[in-house]
Amino acid sequence: MKNIIIIIVLFFAASVPAQMAVEKNQADGDGLLDFAANTTKGILLPIVETLPANAVGGTLLMDRNDQTLKMNVESSWMPLSDAGSVAGVTFNTSGEIPGDNRIIMGAPTSVAPGVLVLESPNKALVLPKIANPHINVKSPYPGMICYDTVSKSMAVFDGLKWSYWK
């Protein structure tokens, strides 16, 4: 009987969609991944040498070749910034670990490629909220992304300047 109860509890625990809060106690509303307010920390997008051929819509990255931040839209790459700079960036030169070395949040599995895959039928990524990142983030890193609470827009840093998207 005890084993049956444990199995039932584990089954229900595994079927509950997880939410993760960073530097706060719980995620707000329908945030799958949510960050504390009034921070100066953002998400760093990967800087890639080769654009993935099998990327799904909504994939975000920084292209090392033309030094622009990009989003995959209907199998093509839309620039989110002008040409920036990756000067001063130290790149990882070790090979990728073979196998399924990624994190999937919001679903037990995913066919979407990516290092961090957020996949949920009813939850979304809540970007780190920063007031005036161009003023308050003293040393932004190329590929940084956040939500500007003053302009009410997504902000991306290309290594030279901030670009804002509404």
N, C-alpha and C. Protein backbone atom coordinates (compact mmCIF):
# COMPACT_ATOMS: atom_id res chain seq x y z
N MET A 1 0.82 -1.20 0.00
CA MET A 1 0.00 0.00 0.00
C MET A 1 0.86 1.27 0.00
N LYS A 2 1.92 1.24 0.80
CA LYS A 2 2.82 2.39 0.89
C LYS A 2 3.45 2.68 -0.47
N ASN A 3 3.86 1.65 -1.21
CA ASN A 3 4.46 1.83 -2.53
C ASN A 3 3.46 2.43 -3.52
N ILE A 4 2.22 2.02 -3.42
CA ILE A 4 1.20 2.55 -4.33
C ILE A 4 1.00 4.05 -4.07
N ILE A 5 0.97 4.45 -2.82
CA ILE A 5 0.81 5.87 -2.49
C ILE A 5 1.99 6.67 -3.01
N ILE A 6 3.19 6.14 -2.84
CA ILE A 6 4.39 6.83 -3.33
C ILE A 6 4.33 6.99 -4.84
N ILE A 7 3.93 5.97 -5.55
CA ILE A 7 3.83 6.02 -7.02
C ILE A 7 2.79 7.05 -7.44
N ILE A 8 1.66 7.10 -6.76
CA ILE A 8 0.61 8.06 -7.10
C ILE A 8 1.10 9.49 -6.86
N VAL A 9 1.76 9.73 -5.74
CA VAL A 9 2.29 11.06 -5.43
C VAL A 9 3.34 11.47 -6.47
N LEU A 10 4.24 10.57 -6.83
CA LEU A 10 5.26 10.88 -7.84
C LEU A 10 4.63 11.16 -9.19
N PHE A 11 3.58 10.42 -9.55
CA PHE A 11 2.91 10.64 -10.82
C PHE A 11 2.32 12.05 -10.87
N PHE A 12 1.60 12.44 -9.81
CA PHE A 12 1.01 13.78 -9.79
C PHE A 12 2.07 14.87 -9.72
N ALA A 13 3.14 14.65 -9.00
CA ALA A 13 4.22 15.63 -8.92
C ALA A 13 4.87 15.82 -10.27
N ALA A 14 5.04 14.75 -11.03
CA ALA A 14 5.66 14.84 -12.36
C ALA A 14 4.75 15.50 -13.37
N SER A 15 3.44 15.45 -13.15
CA SER A 15 2.51 16.02 -14.12
C SER A 15 2.21 17.50 -13.87
N VAL A 16 2.66 18.05 -12.76
CA VAL A 16 2.44 19.46 -12.45
C VAL A 16 3.48 20.29 -13.20
N PRO A 17 3.03 21.26 -14.03
CA PRO A 17 4.00 22.08 -14.74
C PRO A 17 4.79 22.95 -13.75
N ALA A 18 6.09 22.96 -13.91
CA ALA A 18 6.95 23.68 -12.98
C ALA A 18 7.10 25.13 -13.41
N GLN A 19 7.22 26.00 -12.42
CA GLN A 19 7.55 27.39 -12.64
C GLN A 19 8.82 27.65 -11.86
N MET A 20 9.69 28.50 -12.40
CA MET A 20 10.93 28.80 -11.71
C MET A 20 11.06 30.31 -11.55
N ALA A 21 11.37 30.71 -10.32
CA ALA A 21 11.61 32.11 -10.02
C ALA A 21 13.09 32.28 -9.70
N VAL A 22 13.71 33.31 -10.26
CA VAL A 22 15.12 33.58 -10.04
C VAL A 22 15.24 34.80 -9.14
N GLU A 23 15.91 34.62 -8.01
CA GLU A 23 16.12 35.67 -7.00
C GLU A 23 14.81 36.22 -6.44
N LYS A 24 13.79 35.37 -6.36
CA LYS A 24 12.52 35.70 -5.72
C LYS A 24 11.85 34.40 -5.32
N ASN A 25 10.81 34.47 -4.51
CA ASN A 25 10.21 33.27 -3.95
C ASN A 25 9.33 32.49 -4.92
N GLN A 26 8.57 33.19 -5.77
CA GLN A 26 7.71 32.47 -6.71
C GLN A 26 7.52 33.28 -7.98
N ALA A 27 7.20 32.56 -9.05
CA ALA A 27 6.98 33.20 -10.34
C ALA A 27 5.65 33.93 -10.33
N ASP A 28 5.59 35.06 -11.03
CA ASP A 28 4.35 35.82 -11.13
C ASP A 28 3.45 35.21 -12.19
N GLY A 29 2.17 35.14 -11.91
CA GLY A 29 1.15 34.73 -12.87
C GLY A 29 1.52 33.52 -13.69
N ASP A 30 1.52 33.68 -15.00
CA ASP A 30 1.78 32.58 -15.91
C ASP A 30 3.23 32.53 -16.37
N GLY A 31 4.14 33.02 -15.57
CA GLY A 31 5.55 32.95 -15.93
C GLY A 31 6.11 31.58 -15.69
N LEU A 32 6.66 30.97 -16.71
CA LEU A 32 7.34 29.68 -16.59
C LEU A 32 8.72 29.91 -15.97
N LEU A 33 9.38 30.96 -16.41
CA LEU A 33 10.67 31.38 -15.88
C LEU A 33 10.55 32.87 -15.63
N ASP A 34 10.72 33.30 -14.38
CA ASP A 34 10.48 34.68 -13.99
C ASP A 34 11.63 35.18 -13.14
N PHE A 35 11.92 36.47 -13.23
CA PHE A 35 13.06 37.07 -12.55
C PHE A 35 12.61 38.16 -11.60
N ALA A 36 13.41 38.43 -10.58
CA ALA A 36 13.10 39.47 -9.60
C ALA A 36 13.05 40.83 -10.27
N ALA A 37 12.17 41.68 -9.75
CA ALA A 37 12.05 43.06 -10.25
C ALA A 37 13.22 43.89 -9.74
N ASN A 38 13.40 45.04 -10.37
CA ASN A 38 14.41 46.01 -9.95
C ASN A 38 15.82 45.42 -9.92
N THR A 39 16.14 44.68 -10.94
CA THR A 39 17.47 44.09 -11.05
C THR A 39 18.26 44.84 -12.11
N THR A 40 19.53 44.55 -12.22
CA THR A 40 20.32 45.04 -13.35
C THR A 40 20.94 43.85 -14.07
N LYS A 41 20.37 42.67 -13.85
CA LYS A 41 20.84 41.44 -14.50
C LYS A 41 19.86 41.03 -15.59
N GLY A 42 20.39 40.63 -16.72
CA GLY A 42 19.54 40.19 -17.81
C GLY A 42 19.86 38.77 -18.21
N ILE A 43 19.22 38.30 -19.24
CA ILE A 43 19.49 36.98 -19.81
C ILE A 43 20.56 37.17 -20.89
N LEU A 44 21.56 36.30 -20.90
CA LEU A 44 22.58 36.35 -21.95
C LEU A 44 22.23 35.32 -23.01
N LEU A 45 22.03 35.79 -24.22
CA LEU A 45 21.73 34.89 -25.33
C LEU A 45 23.02 34.24 -25.81
N PRO A 46 22.93 33.04 -26.38
CA PRO A 46 24.15 32.42 -26.90
C PRO A 46 24.67 33.19 -28.11
N ILE A 47 25.98 33.26 -28.23
CA ILE A 47 26.63 33.86 -29.39
C ILE A 47 27.12 32.68 -30.24
N VAL A 48 26.54 32.51 -31.43
CA VAL A 48 26.82 31.33 -32.24
C VAL A 48 27.59 31.69 -33.50
N GLU A 49 28.40 30.75 -33.96
CA GLU A 49 29.14 30.94 -35.22
C GLU A 49 28.34 30.49 -36.42
N THR A 50 27.47 29.51 -36.23
CA THR A 50 26.65 28.98 -37.31
C THR A 50 25.19 29.04 -36.88
N LEU A 51 24.36 29.70 -37.69
CA LEU A 51 22.93 29.76 -37.36
C LEU A 51 22.33 28.36 -37.48
N PRO A 52 21.59 27.91 -36.47
CA PRO A 52 21.02 26.56 -36.53
C PRO A 52 20.01 26.44 -37.67
N ALA A 53 20.14 25.41 -38.47
CA ALA A 53 19.25 25.19 -39.60
C ALA A 53 17.88 24.70 -39.15
N ASN A 54 17.81 24.05 -37.99
CA ASN A 54 16.54 23.46 -37.54
C ASN A 54 15.91 24.26 -36.39
N ALA A 55 16.21 25.55 -36.28
CA ALA A 55 15.66 26.37 -35.20
C ALA A 55 14.16 26.56 -35.38
N VAL A 56 13.44 26.62 -34.29
CA VAL A 56 12.00 26.85 -34.33
C VAL A 56 11.73 28.34 -34.16
N GLY A 57 10.55 28.78 -34.58
CA GLY A 57 10.16 30.16 -34.44
C GLY A 57 10.28 30.63 -33.00
N GLY A 58 10.81 31.82 -32.80
CA GLY A 58 10.98 32.37 -31.46
C GLY A 58 12.36 32.15 -30.89
N THR A 59 13.21 31.39 -31.59
CA THR A 59 14.58 31.17 -31.12
C THR A 59 15.34 32.49 -31.15
N LEU A 60 16.03 32.81 -30.07
CA LEU A 60 16.80 34.05 -29.96
C LEU A 60 18.27 33.72 -29.82
N LEU A 61 19.14 34.51 -30.47
CA LEU A 61 20.59 34.30 -30.37
C LEU A 61 21.32 35.53 -30.86
N MET A 62 22.65 35.52 -30.70
CA MET A 62 23.49 36.55 -31.30
C MET A 62 24.39 35.87 -32.31
N ASP A 63 24.41 36.40 -33.52
CA ASP A 63 25.22 35.86 -34.61
C ASP A 63 26.63 36.44 -34.50
N ARG A 64 27.60 35.59 -34.27
CA ARG A 64 28.99 36.04 -34.10
C ARG A 64 29.54 36.64 -35.39
N ASN A 65 29.06 36.19 -36.54
CA ASN A 65 29.60 36.64 -37.82
C ASN A 65 29.26 38.10 -38.12
N ASP A 66 27.99 38.46 -38.06
CA ASP A 66 27.63 39.86 -38.33
C ASP A 66 27.35 40.64 -37.05
N GLN A 67 27.50 39.97 -35.91
CA GLN A 67 27.41 40.58 -34.58
C GLN A 67 26.08 41.28 -34.35
N THR A 68 24.98 40.62 -34.78
CA THR A 68 23.64 41.13 -34.55
C THR A 68 22.85 40.12 -33.74
N LEU A 69 21.91 40.62 -32.94
CA LEU A 69 20.97 39.75 -32.25
C LEU A 69 19.87 39.41 -33.22
N LYS A 70 19.42 38.15 -33.19
CA LYS A 70 18.43 37.69 -34.17
C LYS A 70 17.37 36.82 -33.52
N MET A 71 16.20 36.81 -34.19
CA MET A 71 15.11 35.93 -33.78
C MET A 71 14.65 35.15 -35.00
N ASN A 72 14.40 33.86 -34.82
CA ASN A 72 13.91 33.03 -35.91
C ASN A 72 12.40 33.25 -36.06
N VAL A 73 12.00 33.66 -37.27
CA VAL A 73 10.60 33.88 -37.59
C VAL A 73 10.30 33.15 -38.89
N GLU A 74 9.45 32.14 -38.82
CA GLU A 74 9.04 31.37 -40.00
C GLU A 74 10.25 30.89 -40.81
N SER A 75 11.21 30.29 -40.13
CA SER A 75 12.41 29.69 -40.73
C SER A 75 13.40 30.68 -41.31
N SER A 76 13.27 31.95 -40.99
CA SER A 76 14.29 32.92 -41.41
C SER A 76 14.70 33.73 -40.18
N TRP A 77 15.86 34.35 -40.25
CA TRP A 77 16.42 35.07 -39.12
C TRP A 77 16.19 36.57 -39.27
N MET A 78 15.44 37.16 -38.33
CA MET A 78 15.14 38.58 -38.33
C MET A 78 16.10 39.29 -37.38
N PRO A 79 16.82 40.32 -37.85
CA PRO A 79 17.72 41.04 -36.94
C PRO A 79 16.93 41.85 -35.92
N LEU A 80 17.40 41.84 -34.69
CA LEU A 80 16.80 42.63 -33.62
C LEU A 80 17.68 43.81 -33.24
N SER A 81 18.87 43.88 -33.86
CA SER A 81 19.80 44.97 -33.55
C SER A 81 20.61 45.29 -34.80
N ASP A 82 21.31 46.41 -34.75
CA ASP A 82 22.30 46.72 -35.77
C ASP A 82 23.54 45.89 -35.45
N ALA A 83 24.55 45.99 -36.32
CA ALA A 83 25.81 45.29 -36.05
C ALA A 83 26.40 45.84 -34.76
N GLY A 84 26.79 44.93 -33.89
CA GLY A 84 27.36 45.33 -32.60
C GLY A 84 28.83 44.96 -32.54
N SER A 85 29.23 44.45 -31.40
CA SER A 85 30.62 44.07 -31.20
C SER A 85 30.70 42.94 -30.19
N VAL A 86 31.56 41.98 -30.46
CA VAL A 86 31.84 40.92 -29.50
C VAL A 86 33.29 41.03 -29.02
N ALA A 87 33.87 42.22 -29.21
CA ALA A 87 35.23 42.45 -28.72
C ALA A 87 35.24 42.27 -27.20
N GLY A 88 36.23 41.59 -26.71
CA GLY A 88 36.33 41.36 -25.28
C GLY A 88 35.59 40.14 -24.79
N VAL A 89 34.83 39.49 -25.67
CA VAL A 89 34.11 38.28 -25.27
C VAL A 89 35.08 37.10 -25.32
N THR A 90 35.11 36.32 -24.27
CA THR A 90 35.91 35.10 -24.24
C THR A 90 35.01 33.94 -24.61
N PHE A 91 35.33 33.28 -25.70
CA PHE A 91 34.49 32.19 -26.18
C PHE A 91 34.97 30.84 -25.64
N ASN A 92 34.04 29.97 -25.39
CA ASN A 92 34.33 28.61 -24.96
C ASN A 92 34.88 27.85 -26.17
N THR A 93 36.06 27.31 -26.06
CA THR A 93 36.66 26.59 -27.19
C THR A 93 36.58 25.07 -27.03
N SER A 94 36.05 24.60 -25.91
CA SER A 94 35.93 23.15 -25.74
C SER A 94 34.73 22.64 -26.52
N GLY A 95 34.80 21.38 -26.91
CA GLY A 95 33.73 20.78 -27.69
C GLY A 95 32.46 20.61 -26.88
N GLU A 96 31.34 20.53 -27.59
CA GLU A 96 30.07 20.33 -26.93
C GLU A 96 29.98 18.92 -26.37
N ILE A 97 29.36 18.77 -25.24
CA ILE A 97 29.18 17.45 -24.64
C ILE A 97 28.15 16.71 -25.47
N PRO A 98 28.48 15.51 -25.96
CA PRO A 98 27.51 14.79 -26.79
C PRO A 98 26.31 14.34 -25.97
N GLY A 99 25.19 14.17 -26.65
CA GLY A 99 23.99 13.68 -25.98
C GLY A 99 22.96 14.78 -25.81
N ASP A 100 21.95 14.45 -25.04
CA ASP A 100 20.82 15.36 -24.83
C ASP A 100 21.15 16.28 -23.66
N ASN A 101 22.03 17.24 -23.88
CA ASN A 101 22.52 18.11 -22.81
C ASN A 101 21.82 19.47 -22.84
N ARG A 102 20.54 19.45 -22.53
CA ARG A 102 19.78 20.69 -22.52
C ARG A 102 18.76 20.67 -21.40
N ILE A 103 18.17 21.82 -21.14
CA ILE A 103 17.16 21.94 -20.11
C ILE A 103 15.83 22.24 -20.79
N ILE A 104 14.81 21.46 -20.45
CA ILE A 104 13.46 21.68 -20.97
C ILE A 104 12.59 22.03 -19.77
N MET A 105 11.91 23.17 -19.85
CA MET A 105 11.00 23.59 -18.79
C MET A 105 9.59 23.70 -19.35
N GLY A 106 8.62 23.20 -18.59
CA GLY A 106 7.21 23.34 -18.95
C GLY A 106 6.64 22.14 -19.65
N ALA A 107 7.48 21.21 -20.07
CA ALA A 107 7.02 20.00 -20.74
C ALA A 107 8.00 18.87 -20.42
N PRO A 108 7.53 17.64 -20.41
CA PRO A 108 8.46 16.54 -20.12
C PRO A 108 9.49 16.31 -21.22
N THR A 109 9.13 16.59 -22.47
CA THR A 109 10.04 16.44 -23.61
C THR A 109 9.76 17.55 -24.61
N SER A 110 10.65 17.70 -25.58
CA SER A 110 10.47 18.68 -26.64
C SER A 110 11.27 18.27 -27.85
N VAL A 111 10.73 18.54 -29.03
CA VAL A 111 11.48 18.30 -30.26
C VAL A 111 12.26 19.54 -30.67
N ALA A 112 12.00 20.67 -29.99
CA ALA A 112 12.69 21.91 -30.32
C ALA A 112 14.15 21.82 -29.88
N PRO A 113 15.09 22.18 -30.77
CA PRO A 113 16.49 22.17 -30.38
C PRO A 113 16.79 23.40 -29.53
N GLY A 114 17.76 23.31 -28.68
CA GLY A 114 18.15 24.47 -27.89
C GLY A 114 18.77 24.04 -26.58
N VAL A 115 19.54 24.94 -26.00
CA VAL A 115 20.19 24.67 -24.72
C VAL A 115 19.16 24.79 -23.61
N LEU A 116 18.32 25.83 -23.66
CA LEU A 116 17.23 26.03 -22.71
C LEU A 116 15.96 26.16 -23.52
N VAL A 117 15.07 25.18 -23.37
CA VAL A 117 13.82 25.17 -24.13
C VAL A 117 12.67 25.38 -23.15
N LEU A 118 11.93 26.47 -23.33
CA LEU A 118 10.73 26.72 -22.54
C LEU A 118 9.54 26.37 -23.43
N GLU A 119 8.83 25.32 -23.06
CA GLU A 119 7.73 24.86 -23.89
C GLU A 119 6.54 24.55 -23.01
N SER A 120 5.49 25.35 -23.15
CA SER A 120 4.32 25.19 -22.32
C SER A 120 3.09 25.64 -23.09
N PRO A 121 1.96 24.97 -22.89
CA PRO A 121 0.75 25.41 -23.59
C PRO A 121 0.13 26.67 -23.00
N ASN A 122 0.55 27.06 -21.77
CA ASN A 122 -0.11 28.20 -21.15
C ASN A 122 0.79 29.07 -20.27
N LYS A 123 2.10 28.92 -20.38
CA LYS A 123 3.02 29.72 -19.59
C LYS A 123 4.10 30.28 -20.51
N ALA A 124 4.75 31.37 -20.07
CA ALA A 124 5.73 32.04 -20.93
C ALA A 124 6.95 32.47 -20.13
N LEU A 125 7.96 32.91 -20.84
CA LEU A 125 9.15 33.50 -20.23
C LEU A 125 8.81 34.93 -19.81
N VAL A 126 9.15 35.28 -18.59
CA VAL A 126 9.03 36.66 -18.13
C VAL A 126 10.46 37.20 -18.06
N LEU A 127 10.78 38.16 -18.92
CA LEU A 127 12.14 38.69 -18.97
C LEU A 127 12.49 39.43 -17.68
N PRO A 128 13.79 39.49 -17.34
CA PRO A 128 14.20 40.32 -16.21
C PRO A 128 13.76 41.76 -16.45
N LYS A 129 13.22 42.38 -15.42
CA LYS A 129 12.68 43.74 -15.54
C LYS A 129 13.72 44.74 -15.03
N ILE A 130 14.14 45.64 -15.92
CA ILE A 130 15.16 46.64 -15.57
C ILE A 130 14.68 48.01 -16.02
N ALA A 131 14.72 48.97 -15.13
CA ALA A 131 14.37 50.34 -15.48
C ALA A 131 15.56 50.98 -16.19
N ASN A 132 15.34 51.47 -17.40
CA ASN A 132 16.38 52.15 -18.18
C ASN A 132 17.70 51.36 -18.23
N PRO A 133 17.72 50.20 -18.86
CA PRO A 133 18.95 49.41 -18.87
C PRO A 133 20.14 50.15 -19.46
N HIS A 134 19.91 51.05 -20.42
CA HIS A 134 21.02 51.80 -21.03
C HIS A 134 21.69 52.71 -20.00
N ILE A 135 21.01 53.02 -18.91
CA ILE A 135 21.59 53.85 -17.84
C ILE A 135 22.03 52.98 -16.66
N ASN A 136 21.21 52.04 -16.26
CA ASN A 136 21.42 51.31 -15.01
C ASN A 136 22.29 50.06 -15.10
N VAL A 137 22.42 49.47 -16.28
CA VAL A 137 23.31 48.31 -16.41
C VAL A 137 24.69 48.84 -16.78
N LYS A 138 25.59 48.82 -15.83
CA LYS A 138 26.90 49.47 -15.99
C LYS A 138 27.83 48.74 -16.96
N SER A 139 27.80 47.43 -16.99
CA SER A 139 28.69 46.67 -17.88
C SER A 139 27.90 45.58 -18.60
N PRO A 140 27.01 45.97 -19.53
CA PRO A 140 26.23 44.94 -20.22
C PRO A 140 27.12 44.07 -21.11
N TYR A 141 26.71 42.85 -21.29
CA TYR A 141 27.45 41.87 -22.09
C TYR A 141 26.74 41.70 -23.42
N PRO A 142 27.48 41.54 -24.53
CA PRO A 142 26.82 41.33 -25.82
C PRO A 142 25.85 40.14 -25.76
N GLY A 143 24.66 40.36 -26.26
CA GLY A 143 23.63 39.32 -26.24
C GLY A 143 22.70 39.41 -25.05
N MET A 144 22.82 40.46 -24.24
CA MET A 144 21.95 40.60 -23.07
C MET A 144 20.56 41.04 -23.52
N ILE A 145 19.54 40.47 -22.87
CA ILE A 145 18.15 40.79 -23.18
C ILE A 145 17.39 40.99 -21.87
N CYS A 146 16.47 41.97 -21.86
CA CYS A 146 15.67 42.25 -20.67
C CYS A 146 14.42 43.02 -21.10
N TYR A 147 13.58 43.35 -20.10
CA TYR A 147 12.40 44.17 -20.34
C TYR A 147 12.61 45.51 -19.66
N ASP A 148 12.54 46.60 -20.43
CA ASP A 148 12.71 47.94 -19.88
C ASP A 148 11.36 48.40 -19.32
N THR A 149 11.29 48.57 -18.00
CA THR A 149 10.04 48.94 -17.35
C THR A 149 9.65 50.39 -17.60
N VAL A 150 10.57 51.22 -18.07
CA VAL A 150 10.26 52.62 -18.34
C VAL A 150 9.67 52.77 -19.74
N SER A 151 10.36 52.24 -20.76
CA SER A 151 9.86 52.36 -22.14
C SER A 151 8.84 51.28 -22.47
N LYS A 152 8.65 50.32 -21.56
CA LYS A 152 7.72 49.20 -21.76
C LYS A 152 8.04 48.45 -23.06
N SER A 153 9.32 48.07 -23.20
CA SER A 153 9.76 47.38 -24.40
C SER A 153 10.85 46.36 -24.07
N MET A 154 11.06 45.44 -25.01
CA MET A 154 12.16 44.49 -24.87
C MET A 154 13.44 45.20 -25.27
N ALA A 155 14.49 45.04 -24.47
CA ALA A 155 15.77 45.69 -24.75
C ALA A 155 16.82 44.62 -25.01
N VAL A 156 17.62 44.81 -26.07
CA VAL A 156 18.71 43.89 -26.39
C VAL A 156 19.99 44.69 -26.55
N PHE A 157 21.09 44.14 -26.02
CA PHE A 157 22.39 44.81 -26.12
C PHE A 157 23.27 44.06 -27.10
N ASP A 158 23.76 44.76 -28.13
CA ASP A 158 24.53 44.12 -29.19
C ASP A 158 26.04 44.22 -29.00
N GLY A 159 26.47 44.72 -27.87
CA GLY A 159 27.89 44.89 -27.61
C GLY A 159 28.34 46.33 -27.76
N LEU A 160 27.52 47.13 -28.46
CA LEU A 160 27.82 48.56 -28.62
C LEU A 160 26.71 49.44 -28.06
N LYS A 161 25.46 49.06 -28.35
CA LYS A 161 24.33 49.89 -27.90
C LYS A 161 23.10 49.02 -27.67
N TRP A 162 22.13 49.62 -26.99
CA TRP A 162 20.86 48.97 -26.71
C TRP A 162 19.89 49.23 -27.87
N SER A 163 19.10 48.22 -28.23
CA SER A 163 17.99 48.37 -29.18
C SER A 163 16.72 48.00 -28.43
N TYR A 164 15.62 48.70 -28.76
CA TYR A 164 14.36 48.50 -28.03
C TYR A 164 13.27 48.06 -29.00
N TRP A 165 12.48 47.07 -28.59
CA TRP A 165 11.42 46.50 -29.41
C TRP A 165 10.10 46.55 -28.64
N LYS A 166 9.08 47.11 -29.27
CA LYS A 166 7.73 47.13 -28.68
C LYS A 166 6.87 46.13 -29.38
